[in-house]
C-alpha atoms as a PDB file:
ATOM      1  CA  MET A   1      82.463   7.712 -46.999  1.00  0.00           C
ATOM      2  CA  GLY A   2      80.168  10.806 -48.264  1.00  0.00           C
ATOM      3  CA  ALA A   3      78.710   8.475 -51.714  1.00  0.00           C
ATOM      4  CA  ARG A   4      77.850   6.105 -48.880  1.00  0.00           C
ATOM      5  CA  HIS A   5      75.630   8.659 -46.548  1.00  0.00           C
ATOM      6  CA  ALA A   6      74.682  10.080 -49.976  1.00  0.00           C
ATOM      7  CA  PHE A   7      72.782   6.659 -50.840  1.00  0.00           C
ATOM      8  CA  ARG A   8      71.465   6.015 -47.651  1.00  0.00           C
ATOM      9  CA  ARG A   9      69.511   9.112 -47.202  1.00  0.00           C
ATOM     10  CA  ASN A  10      68.513   8.893 -51.244  1.00  0.00           C
ATOM     11  CA  ALA A  11      67.324   5.197 -50.886  1.00  0.00           C
ATOM     12  CA  SER A  12      65.416   5.932 -47.580  1.00  0.00           C
ATOM     13  CA  SER A  13      63.657   8.911 -49.226  1.00  0.00           C
ATOM     14  CA  ALA A  14      62.149   6.447 -51.901  1.00  0.00           C
ATOM     15  CA  ASN A  15      60.716   4.133 -49.976  1.00  0.00           C
ATOM     16  CA  GLN A  16      59.155   6.439 -48.203  1.00  0.00           C
ATOM     17  CA  GLN A  17      57.913   3.636 -45.917  1.00  0.00           C
ATOM     18  CA  PRO A  18      56.918   4.832 -42.271  1.00  0.00           C
ATOM     19  CA  CYS A  19      59.292   4.644 -39.493  1.00  0.00           C
ATOM     20  CA  THR A  20      57.986   1.608 -36.842  1.00  0.00           C
ATOM     21  CA  GLY A  21      60.722   2.781 -34.333  1.00  0.00           C
ATOM     22  CA  ARG A  22      63.796   3.941 -34.107  1.00  0.00           C
ATOM     23  CA  LEU A  23      67.069   3.259 -31.650  1.00  0.00           C
ATOM     24  CA  GLN A  24      67.845   6.086 -29.233  1.00  0.00           C
ATOM     25  CA  GLN A  25      70.624   5.498 -26.213  1.00  0.00           C
ATOM     26  CA  GLY A  26      70.174   1.037 -26.689  1.00  0.00           C
ATOM     27  CA  ARG A  27      66.344   1.676 -26.326  1.00  0.00           C
ATOM     28  CA  LEU A  28      63.669   1.640 -29.369  1.00  0.00           C
ATOM     29  CA  THR A  29      61.492   4.228 -29.635  1.00  0.00           C
ATOM     30  CA  GLN A  30      58.564   5.350 -31.075  1.00  0.00           C
ATOM     31  CA  PRO A  31      58.196   7.907 -33.997  1.00  0.00           C
ATOM     32  CA  ARG A  32      56.062  10.874 -32.704  1.00  0.00           C
ATOM     33  CA  TRP A  33      53.096  10.612 -34.845  1.00  0.00           C
ATOM     34  CA  ALA A  34      52.501   6.819 -33.236  1.00  0.00           C
ATOM     35  CA  ARG A  35      53.707   8.467 -29.259  1.00  0.00           C
ATOM     36  CA  GLN A  36      50.598  11.088 -30.830  1.00  0.00           C
ATOM     37  CA  GLU A  37      47.758   8.597 -31.257  1.00  0.00           C
ATOM     38  CA  VAL A  38      48.625   6.601 -28.194  1.00  0.00           C
ATOM     39  CA  GLU A  39      48.292  10.174 -26.643  1.00  0.00           C
ATOM     40  CA  VAL A  40      45.383  10.717 -28.146  1.00  0.00           C
ATOM     41  CA  GLU A  41      44.042   7.219 -27.297  1.00  0.00           C
ATOM     42  CA  ILE A  42      44.737   7.622 -23.197  1.00  0.00           C
ATOM     43  CA  TRP A  43      43.345  11.361 -23.959  1.00  0.00           C
ATOM     44  CA  LEU A  44      39.447   9.493 -24.876  1.00  0.00           C
ATOM     45  CA  LEU A  45      39.929   6.643 -22.328  1.00  0.00           C
ATOM     46  CA  LEU A  46      40.638   9.350 -19.579  1.00  0.00           C
ATOM     47  CA  ALA A  47      37.491  11.131 -20.480  1.00  0.00           C
ATOM     48  CA  CYS A  48      35.626   8.099 -20.996  1.00  0.00           C
ATOM     49  CA  LEU A  49      36.013   7.350 -17.537  1.00  0.00           C
ATOM     50  CA  SER A  50      35.603  10.762 -16.495  1.00  0.00           C
ATOM     51  CA  VAL A  51      31.848  10.896 -17.773  1.00  0.00           C
ATOM     52  CA  ALA A  52      31.362   7.414 -16.228  1.00  0.00           C
ATOM     53  CA  VAL A  53      32.871   8.156 -12.972  1.00  0.00           C
ATOM     54  CA  ALA A  54      30.441  11.392 -13.441  1.00  0.00           C
ATOM     55  CA  ALA A  55      27.163   9.963 -14.132  1.00  0.00           C
ATOM     56  CA  LEU A  56      27.578   7.160 -11.715  1.00  0.00           C
ATOM     57  CA  GLY A  57      28.391   9.744  -8.813  1.00  0.00           C
ATOM     58  CA  TRP A  58      24.759  11.247  -9.853  1.00  0.00           C
ATOM     59  CA  GLN A  59      23.119   8.331  -9.761  1.00  0.00           C
ATOM     60  CA  VAL A  60      24.523   7.595  -6.579  1.00  0.00           C
ATOM     61  CA  TYR A  61      22.718  11.197  -5.678  1.00  0.00           C
ATOM     62  CA  ARG A  62      19.590  10.289  -6.965  1.00  0.00           C
ATOM     63  CA  LEU A  63      19.548   8.053  -4.951  1.00  0.00           C
ATOM     64  CA  ARG A  64      20.812   9.074  -1.935  1.00  0.00           C
ATOM     65  CA  SER A  65      18.000  12.017  -2.342  1.00  0.00           C
ATOM     66  CA  ALA A  66      15.453   9.050  -2.700  1.00  0.00           C
ATOM     67  CA  VAL A  67      16.398   7.561  -0.258  1.00  0.00           C
ATOM     68  CA  ARG A  68      16.467  10.720   2.147  1.00  0.00           C
ATOM     69  CA  VAL A  69      12.321  11.131   1.064  1.00  0.00           C
ATOM     70  CA  ALA A  70      11.462   8.171   1.773  1.00  0.00           C
ATOM     71  CA  ASP A  71      12.988   8.356   5.134  1.00  0.00           C
ATOM     72  CA  ALA A  72      10.813  11.459   6.067  1.00  0.00           C
ATOM     73  CA  HIS A  73       8.071  10.047   4.132  1.00  0.00           C
ATOM     74  CA  GLN A  74       8.412   7.156   6.850  1.00  0.00           C
ATOM     75  CA  ILE A  75       9.019   9.186   9.743  1.00  0.00           C
ATOM     76  CA  GLU A  76       5.471  11.059   9.255  1.00  0.00           C
ATOM     77  CA  LEU A  77       3.528   7.564   8.925  1.00  0.00           C
ATOM     78  CA  GLN A  78       5.380   6.799  12.234  1.00  0.00           C
ATOM     79  CA  ALA A  79       3.701   9.474  13.640  1.00  0.00           C
ATOM     80  CA  GLN A  80       0.866   9.641  12.120  1.00  0.00           C
ATOM     81  CA  ILE A  81       0.433   5.058  13.718  1.00  0.00           C
ATOM     82  CA  THR A  82       1.548   6.792  16.630  1.00  0.00           C
ATOM     83  CA  ARG A  83      -1.166   9.663  17.284  1.00  0.00           C
ATOM     84  CA  LEU A  84      -4.159   6.728  15.125  1.00  0.00           C
ATOM     85  CA  GLN A  85      -3.112   4.565  17.935  1.00  0.00           C
ATOM     86  CA  LYS A  86      -3.360   7.112  20.873  1.00  0.00           C
ATOM     87  CA  ASP A  87      -6.538   8.605  20.182  1.00  0.00           C
ATOM     88  CA  LEU A  88      -7.177   4.835  19.436  1.00  0.00           C
ATOM     89  CA  HIS A  89      -6.312   4.339  23.271  1.00  0.00           C
ATOM     90  CA  GLY A  90      -8.496   7.048  24.411  1.00  0.00           C
ATOM     91  CA  LEU A  91     -11.469   5.607  22.405  1.00  0.00           C
ATOM     92  CA  SER A  92     -11.346   2.606  23.562  1.00  0.00           C
ATOM     93  CA  ALA A  93     -10.543   3.784  26.766  1.00  0.00           C
ATOM     94  CA  ARG A  94     -13.794   5.838  26.915  1.00  0.00           C
ATOM     95  CA  ALA A  95     -16.258   2.994  25.876  1.00  0.00           C
ATOM     96  CA  PRO A  96     -17.215   1.750  28.182  1.00  0.00           C
ATOM     97  CA  GLN A  97     -17.711   4.797  30.195  1.00  0.00           C
ATOM     98  CA  VAL A  98     -20.455   5.292  27.107  1.00  0.00           C
ATOM     99  CA  LEU A  99     -22.369   2.143  27.505  1.00  0.00           C
ATOM    100  CA  VAL A 100     -22.781   2.394  30.964  1.00  0.00           C
ATOM    101  CA  GLU A 101     -23.942   6.115  31.393  1.00  0.00           C
ATOM    102  CA  PRO A 102     -26.255   7.090  28.246  1.00  0.00           C
ATOM    103  CA  PRO A 103     -28.501   9.306  30.159  1.00  0.00           C
ATOM    104  CA  ARG A 104     -26.154  12.000  29.246  1.00  0.00           C
ATOM    105  CA  LEU A 105     -26.034  11.391  25.813  1.00  0.00           C
ATOM    106  CA  VAL A 106     -30.631  10.546  25.489  1.00  0.00           C
ATOM    107  CA  GLU A 107     -30.323  14.621  27.585  1.00  0.00           C
ATOM    108  CA  PRO A 108     -29.671  16.556  24.140  1.00  0.00           C
ATOM    109  CA  LEU A 109     -31.790  15.331  22.228  1.00  0.00           C
ATOM    110  CA  LYS A 110     -34.626  15.732  24.850  1.00  0.00           C
ATOM    111  CA  ARG A 111     -33.900  19.195  24.824  1.00  0.00           C
ATOM    112  CA  ARG A 112     -33.684  19.492  20.734  1.00  0.00           C
ATOM    113  CA  SER A 113     -37.040  18.331  20.750  1.00  0.00           C
ATOM    114  CA  ASP A 114     -38.352  20.255  23.529  1.00  0.00           C
ATOM    115  CA  PRO A 115     -41.263  22.915  21.936  1.00  0.00           C
ATOM    116  CA  PRO A 116     -39.610  25.642  19.450  1.00  0.00           C
ATOM    117  CA  PRO A 117     -39.242  29.033  21.448  1.00  0.00           C
ATOM    118  CA  SER A 118     -42.187  31.348  20.772  1.00  0.00           C
ATOM    119  CA  SER A 119     -40.484  33.471  18.165  1.00  0.00           C
ATOM    120  CA  GLU A 120     -40.665  30.007  15.988  1.00  0.00           C
ATOM    121  CA  LEU A 121     -44.953  30.145  16.724  1.00  0.00           C
ATOM    122  CA  SER A 122     -45.631  33.535  15.588  1.00  0.00           C
ATOM    123  CA  SER A 123     -43.872  33.201  11.966  1.00  0.00           C
ATOM    124  CA  PRO A 124     -46.422  33.336   9.033  1.00  0.00           C
ATOM    125  CA  TYR A 125     -46.138  29.737   8.926  1.00  0.00           C
ATOM    126  CA  ASN A 126     -47.288  29.306  11.833  1.00  0.00           C
ATOM    127  CA  GLN A 127     -50.134  31.115  12.161  1.00  0.00           C
ATOM    128  CA  ALA A 128     -51.371  29.892   8.240  1.00  0.00           C
ATOM    129  CA  ILE A 129     -50.960  26.496   9.925  1.00  0.00           C
ATOM    130  CA  GLU A 130     -53.318  27.458  12.917  1.00  0.00           C
ATOM    131  CA  LEU A 131     -55.578  29.565  11.023  1.00  0.00           C
ATOM    132  CA  ALA A 132     -56.444  26.054   8.556  1.00  0.00           C
ATOM    133  CA  ARG A 133     -56.881  24.126  11.680  1.00  0.00           C
ATOM    134  CA  HIS A 134     -59.842  26.874  12.454  1.00  0.00           C
ATOM    135  CA  GLY A 135     -61.248  26.308   8.532  1.00  0.00           C
ATOM    136  CA  LEU A 136     -60.440  29.158   7.197  1.00  0.00           C
ATOM    137  CA  SER A 137     -59.612  29.262   3.337  1.00  0.00           C
ATOM    138  CA  ALA A 138     -56.844  29.574   1.557  1.00  0.00           C
ATOM    139  CA  GLY A 139     -57.106  33.137   0.394  1.00  0.00           C
ATOM    140  CA  GLU A 140     -58.074  34.173   4.368  1.00  0.00           C
ATOM    141  CA  VAL A 141     -55.406  32.389   5.393  1.00  0.00           C
ATOM    142  CA  ALA A 142     -52.796  34.409   2.619  1.00  0.00           C
ATOM    143  CA  GLU A 143     -54.707  37.599   3.083  1.00  0.00           C
ATOM    144  CA  ARG A 144     -54.071  37.006   6.771  1.00  0.00           C
ATOM    145  CA  CYS A 145     -50.362  35.922   7.212  1.00  0.00           C
ATOM    146  CA  GLY A 146     -48.898  37.979   4.029  1.00  0.00           C
ATOM    147  CA  ILE A 147     -48.067  34.523   1.959  1.00  0.00           C
ATOM    148  CA  SER A 148     -48.730  33.147  -1.897  1.00  0.00           C
ATOM    149  CA  ARG A 149     -51.491  32.113  -2.024  1.00  0.00           C
ATOM    150  CA  SER A 150     -50.379  28.917  -4.075  1.00  0.00           C
ATOM    151  CA  GLU A 151     -48.128  28.582  -0.135  1.00  0.00           C
ATOM    152  CA  ALA A 152     -51.555  28.981   1.470  1.00  0.00           C
ATOM    153  CA  GLU A 153     -53.626  26.580  -0.354  1.00  0.00           C
ATOM    154  CA  LEU A 154     -50.725  23.884   0.048  1.00  0.00           C
ATOM    155  CA  ILE A 155     -50.610  24.777   3.734  1.00  0.00           C
ATOM    156  CA  VAL A 156     -54.397  24.633   4.232  1.00  0.00           C
ATOM    157  CA  SER A 157     -54.263  20.919   2.112  1.00  0.00           C
ATOM    158  CA  LEU A 158     -51.949  19.257   4.511  1.00  0.00           C
ATOM    159  CA  TYR A 159     -53.444  20.747   7.997  1.00  0.00           C
ATOM    160  CA  ARG A 160     -56.986  21.191   7.719  1.00  0.00           C
ATOM    161  CA  ASN A 161     -57.961  18.291   8.756  1.00  0.00           C
ATOM    162  CA  SER A 162     -55.192  17.834  10.587  1.00  0.00           C
ATOM    163  CA  SER A 163     -55.941  18.188  13.984  1.00  0.00           C
ATOM    164  CA  THR A 164     -52.723  17.159  15.967  1.00  0.00           C
ATOM    165  CA  SER A 165     -48.676  17.710  15.192  1.00  0.00           C
END
């Protein structure tokens, strides 16, 4: 019997072929290296699945953020539309009054065309215009009003023959 066991050991060590499985308690089990390969494959699959789930979660987060921003923008635009509608209703309600009461609008324009206050009349340019209308030369106008000769020449050329204005 001893020879038989020795032969078996020698024959199995001579072949050096990997064992595909062995019988343990009535079940065929895989060798350790095969189990390690399966474990590595499972871990790789789990890692890939985790990365895919994380990427999907990131996309969901970005989409929700974009929806929140779009909702806030929509609310802001809706508020602006509401304000503009109120303004439009207010203006359309006042339109008949504006058409019926034009004198109220014309009155401020009439006040603007009233003659300027006396301080404006006493400016050197207004005095130069009056002197030019009375026929004084550009040199005399420049001297009396304290303006440059070229300014006086311009005023004299514009206002010498003008009796109204």
